[in-house]
Amino acid sequence: MFATNSRYANLTPYTVTMRDGRVVTATRLWQSPAQLPLAGYHTRALGDRLDLLAARYLQDPTLFWKLCDANGTPVAAALEARPLIGIPLGGK
């Protein structure tokens, strides 16, 4: 259901029956671990996107969610206004 490097890969999915009778598969929201140790900070510049920063610092653009976890937010959009982005220690 999720890519192997997704933050949701190890969560157990479950089914829910909607009011209209449809059965859908769902998963619980990711709960970020306690504040991750940081290697440092990236000063945000015009045109920076989390996938590009993840490619640069974590060697994989799909790991943008690790930047979110390192900065205590579940969604990438919450980092758009931050002037500094914490980079998790250890990369991958």
N, C-alpha and C. Protein backbone atom coordinates (compact mmCIF):
# COMPACT_ATOMS: atom_id res chain seq x y z
N MET A 1 0.82 -1.19 0.00
CA MET A 1 0.00 0.00 0.00
C MET A 1 0.87 1.26 0.00
N PHE A 2 1.98 1.25 0.76
CA PHE A 2 2.88 2.38 0.82
C PHE A 2 4.27 1.94 0.36
N ALA A 3 5.04 2.88 -0.14
CA ALA A 3 6.42 2.59 -0.52
C ALA A 3 7.20 2.14 0.71
N THR A 4 8.20 1.32 0.52
CA THR A 4 8.97 0.77 1.65
C THR A 4 9.69 1.85 2.45
N ASN A 5 9.97 3.02 1.84
CA ASN A 5 10.65 4.08 2.58
C ASN A 5 9.67 5.16 3.08
N SER A 6 8.39 4.85 3.05
CA SER A 6 7.37 5.77 3.55
C SER A 6 7.30 5.72 5.07
N ARG A 7 6.93 6.83 5.68
CA ARG A 7 6.75 6.84 7.13
C ARG A 7 5.58 5.95 7.54
N TYR A 8 4.72 5.61 6.59
CA TYR A 8 3.55 4.78 6.88
C TYR A 8 3.77 3.30 6.57
N ALA A 9 4.93 2.93 6.06
CA ALA A 9 5.18 1.56 5.60
C ALA A 9 4.98 0.51 6.67
N ASN A 10 5.32 0.80 7.91
CA ASN A 10 5.22 -0.19 8.97
C ASN A 10 3.95 -0.09 9.81
N LEU A 11 3.06 0.81 9.42
CA LEU A 11 1.80 0.92 10.15
C LEU A 11 0.80 -0.09 9.60
N THR A 12 0.01 -0.67 10.47
CA THR A 12 -0.95 -1.68 10.07
C THR A 12 -2.22 -1.02 9.56
N PRO A 13 -2.60 -1.31 8.31
CA PRO A 13 -3.85 -0.74 7.79
C PRO A 13 -5.06 -1.46 8.39
N TYR A 14 -6.20 -0.80 8.33
CA TYR A 14 -7.44 -1.39 8.81
C TYR A 14 -8.55 -0.96 7.86
N THR A 15 -9.70 -1.62 7.94
CA THR A 15 -10.81 -1.26 7.06
C THR A 15 -11.89 -0.54 7.86
N VAL A 16 -12.58 0.35 7.15
CA VAL A 16 -13.66 1.14 7.73
C VAL A 16 -14.85 1.06 6.77
N THR A 17 -16.02 0.87 7.30
CA THR A 17 -17.23 0.90 6.47
C THR A 17 -17.82 2.30 6.56
N MET A 18 -17.93 2.93 5.40
CA MET A 18 -18.46 4.29 5.33
C MET A 18 -19.99 4.26 5.46
N ARG A 19 -20.59 5.42 5.69
CA ARG A 19 -22.05 5.50 5.85
C ARG A 19 -22.79 4.96 4.63
N ASP A 20 -22.20 5.14 3.45
CA ASP A 20 -22.88 4.68 2.23
C ASP A 20 -22.62 3.20 1.96
N GLY A 21 -21.94 2.51 2.87
CA GLY A 21 -21.70 1.08 2.73
C GLY A 21 -20.36 0.70 2.10
N ARG A 22 -19.65 1.68 1.53
CA ARG A 22 -18.34 1.38 0.95
C ARG A 22 -17.37 0.99 2.05
N VAL A 23 -16.50 0.03 1.74
CA VAL A 23 -15.45 -0.37 2.67
C VAL A 23 -14.14 0.20 2.15
N VAL A 24 -13.44 0.95 2.97
CA VAL A 24 -12.18 1.57 2.56
C VAL A 24 -11.07 1.14 3.51
N THR A 25 -9.85 1.14 2.99
CA THR A 25 -8.69 0.83 3.80
C THR A 25 -8.09 2.13 4.30
N ALA A 26 -7.71 2.16 5.56
CA ALA A 26 -7.15 3.37 6.17
C ALA A 26 -5.96 2.99 7.03
N THR A 27 -5.24 4.00 7.47
CA THR A 27 -4.15 3.81 8.43
C THR A 27 -4.18 4.97 9.40
N ARG A 28 -3.66 4.76 10.55
CA ARG A 28 -3.62 5.83 11.54
C ARG A 28 -2.61 6.89 11.11
N LEU A 29 -2.80 8.10 11.58
CA LEU A 29 -1.84 9.15 11.28
C LEU A 29 -0.51 8.84 11.94
N TRP A 30 0.55 9.18 11.26
CA TRP A 30 1.90 8.99 11.76
C TRP A 30 2.10 9.85 12.99
N GLN A 31 2.68 9.27 14.00
CA GLN A 31 3.06 10.02 15.20
C GLN A 31 4.57 10.16 15.17
N SER A 32 5.03 11.36 14.96
CA SER A 32 6.46 11.61 14.88
C SER A 32 7.12 11.28 16.22
N PRO A 33 8.31 10.69 16.15
CA PRO A 33 9.03 10.43 17.39
C PRO A 33 9.42 11.75 18.06
N ALA A 34 9.93 11.66 19.26
CA ALA A 34 10.41 12.86 19.94
C ALA A 34 11.40 13.59 19.04
N GLN A 35 11.63 14.84 19.32
CA GLN A 35 12.54 15.65 18.51
C GLN A 35 13.80 14.88 18.13
N LEU A 36 14.03 14.77 16.85
CA LEU A 36 15.20 14.06 16.35
C LEU A 36 16.45 14.92 16.49
N PRO A 37 17.60 14.30 16.72
CA PRO A 37 18.84 15.08 16.76
C PRO A 37 19.13 15.65 15.37
N LEU A 38 19.62 16.86 15.35
CA LEU A 38 19.87 17.55 14.08
C LEU A 38 21.36 17.63 13.77
N ALA A 39 21.67 17.53 12.48
CA ALA A 39 23.04 17.73 12.00
C ALA A 39 23.32 19.22 11.85
N GLY A 40 22.26 19.98 11.64
CA GLY A 40 22.39 21.42 11.45
C GLY A 40 21.12 21.97 10.83
N TYR A 41 21.23 23.16 10.25
CA TYR A 41 20.08 23.83 9.67
C TYR A 41 20.39 24.27 8.24
N HIS A 42 19.35 24.29 7.43
CA HIS A 42 19.44 24.83 6.09
C HIS A 42 18.67 26.15 6.10
N THR A 43 19.32 27.23 5.64
CA THR A 43 18.65 28.52 5.53
C THR A 43 17.86 28.50 4.23
N ARG A 44 16.57 28.64 4.36
CA ARG A 44 15.67 28.53 3.22
C ARG A 44 15.92 29.67 2.22
N ALA A 45 15.93 29.31 0.94
CA ALA A 45 16.10 30.28 -0.15
C ALA A 45 14.94 30.14 -1.12
N LEU A 46 14.75 31.14 -1.95
CA LEU A 46 13.69 31.12 -2.95
C LEU A 46 13.87 29.89 -3.84
N GLY A 47 12.81 29.14 -4.03
CA GLY A 47 12.86 27.96 -4.89
C GLY A 47 13.17 26.67 -4.16
N ASP A 48 13.54 26.75 -2.88
CA ASP A 48 13.78 25.53 -2.11
C ASP A 48 12.47 24.77 -1.95
N ARG A 49 12.53 23.47 -2.22
CA ARG A 49 11.40 22.58 -1.97
C ARG A 49 11.92 21.44 -1.10
N LEU A 50 11.04 20.86 -0.30
CA LEU A 50 11.49 19.81 0.60
C LEU A 50 12.04 18.60 -0.14
N ASP A 51 11.47 18.27 -1.30
CA ASP A 51 12.02 17.13 -2.04
C ASP A 51 13.44 17.41 -2.51
N LEU A 52 13.71 18.65 -2.90
CA LEU A 52 15.06 19.01 -3.33
C LEU A 52 16.03 19.02 -2.15
N LEU A 53 15.55 19.50 -1.00
CA LEU A 53 16.40 19.48 0.19
C LEU A 53 16.66 18.05 0.65
N ALA A 54 15.66 17.19 0.57
CA ALA A 54 15.84 15.79 0.94
C ALA A 54 16.84 15.11 -0.01
N ALA A 55 16.76 15.43 -1.29
CA ALA A 55 17.73 14.87 -2.24
C ALA A 55 19.13 15.33 -1.91
N ARG A 56 19.27 16.59 -1.55
CA ARG A 56 20.58 17.17 -1.24
C ARG A 56 21.18 16.61 0.05
N TYR A 57 20.38 16.59 1.11
CA TYR A 57 20.91 16.22 2.43
C TYR A 57 20.72 14.75 2.80
N LEU A 58 19.67 14.11 2.24
CA LEU A 58 19.35 12.73 2.60
C LEU A 58 19.56 11.76 1.44
N GLN A 59 19.97 12.29 0.29
CA GLN A 59 20.24 11.51 -0.91
C GLN A 59 19.02 10.78 -1.46
N ASP A 60 17.81 11.25 -1.11
CA ASP A 60 16.59 10.64 -1.61
C ASP A 60 15.44 11.65 -1.49
N PRO A 61 14.91 12.14 -2.62
CA PRO A 61 13.86 13.16 -2.55
C PRO A 61 12.57 12.66 -1.90
N THR A 62 12.35 11.34 -1.88
CA THR A 62 11.12 10.82 -1.28
C THR A 62 11.18 10.81 0.25
N LEU A 63 12.33 11.14 0.81
CA LEU A 63 12.46 11.17 2.27
C LEU A 63 12.20 12.56 2.85
N PHE A 64 11.49 13.40 2.09
CA PHE A 64 11.16 14.75 2.57
C PHE A 64 10.45 14.69 3.92
N TRP A 65 9.73 13.62 4.16
CA TRP A 65 9.00 13.48 5.43
C TRP A 65 9.93 13.41 6.63
N LYS A 66 11.19 12.99 6.41
CA LYS A 66 12.14 12.98 7.52
C LYS A 66 12.49 14.42 7.93
N LEU A 67 12.47 15.33 6.97
CA LEU A 67 12.66 16.75 7.29
C LEU A 67 11.49 17.25 8.13
N CYS A 68 10.28 16.80 7.78
CA CYS A 68 9.10 17.17 8.57
C CYS A 68 9.24 16.65 9.99
N ASP A 69 9.60 15.38 10.14
CA ASP A 69 9.76 14.79 11.47
C ASP A 69 10.82 15.53 12.28
N ALA A 70 11.93 15.86 11.64
CA ALA A 70 13.02 16.54 12.34
C ALA A 70 12.60 17.94 12.81
N ASN A 71 11.59 18.49 12.16
CA ASN A 71 11.12 19.83 12.50
C ASN A 71 9.79 19.82 13.24
N GLY A 72 9.36 18.63 13.67
CA GLY A 72 8.17 18.51 14.50
C GLY A 72 6.86 18.84 13.83
N THR A 73 6.75 18.55 12.54
CA THR A 73 5.49 18.80 11.84
C THR A 73 5.11 17.60 10.98
N PRO A 74 3.82 17.26 10.93
CA PRO A 74 3.41 16.10 10.14
C PRO A 74 3.28 16.38 8.64
N VAL A 75 3.20 17.65 8.25
CA VAL A 75 2.98 17.97 6.83
C VAL A 75 4.01 18.95 6.30
N ALA A 76 4.38 18.75 5.05
CA ALA A 76 5.40 19.58 4.41
C ALA A 76 5.01 21.05 4.33
N ALA A 77 3.73 21.33 4.11
CA ALA A 77 3.28 22.72 3.96
C ALA A 77 3.58 23.56 5.21
N ALA A 78 3.67 22.92 6.36
CA ALA A 78 3.95 23.65 7.60
C ALA A 78 5.36 24.20 7.63
N LEU A 79 6.24 23.70 6.78
CA LEU A 79 7.63 24.18 6.76
C LEU A 79 7.86 25.30 5.75
N GLU A 80 6.86 25.60 4.93
CA GLU A 80 7.03 26.59 3.87
C GLU A 80 7.40 27.97 4.37
N ALA A 81 6.91 28.36 5.52
CA ALA A 81 7.17 29.71 6.03
C ALA A 81 8.38 29.78 6.95
N ARG A 82 9.00 28.66 7.24
CA ARG A 82 10.13 28.67 8.17
C ARG A 82 11.41 29.10 7.47
N PRO A 83 12.15 30.01 8.06
CA PRO A 83 13.40 30.45 7.45
C PRO A 83 14.53 29.43 7.62
N LEU A 84 14.44 28.58 8.64
CA LEU A 84 15.46 27.55 8.88
C LEU A 84 14.78 26.18 8.90
N ILE A 85 15.38 25.24 8.20
CA ILE A 85 14.89 23.86 8.19
C ILE A 85 15.93 22.99 8.86
N GLY A 86 15.53 22.31 9.94
CA GLY A 86 16.44 21.40 10.62
C GLY A 86 16.70 20.17 9.76
N ILE A 87 17.96 19.77 9.68
CA ILE A 87 18.39 18.60 8.91
C ILE A 87 18.70 17.49 9.90
N PRO A 88 17.99 16.33 9.76
CA PRO A 88 18.21 15.26 10.74
C PRO A 88 19.62 14.68 10.67
N LEU A 89 20.13 14.36 11.82
CA LEU A 89 21.46 13.75 11.94
C LEU A 89 21.45 12.37 11.31
N GLY A 90 22.49 12.05 10.58
CA GLY A 90 22.62 10.72 10.02
C GLY A 90 21.98 10.53 8.67
N GLY A 91 21.34 11.55 8.12
CA GLY A 91 20.75 11.41 6.80
C GLY A 91 19.72 10.32 6.76
N LYS A 92 19.98 9.26 6.00
CA LYS A 92 19.06 8.16 5.88
C LYS A 92 19.00 7.45 7.19
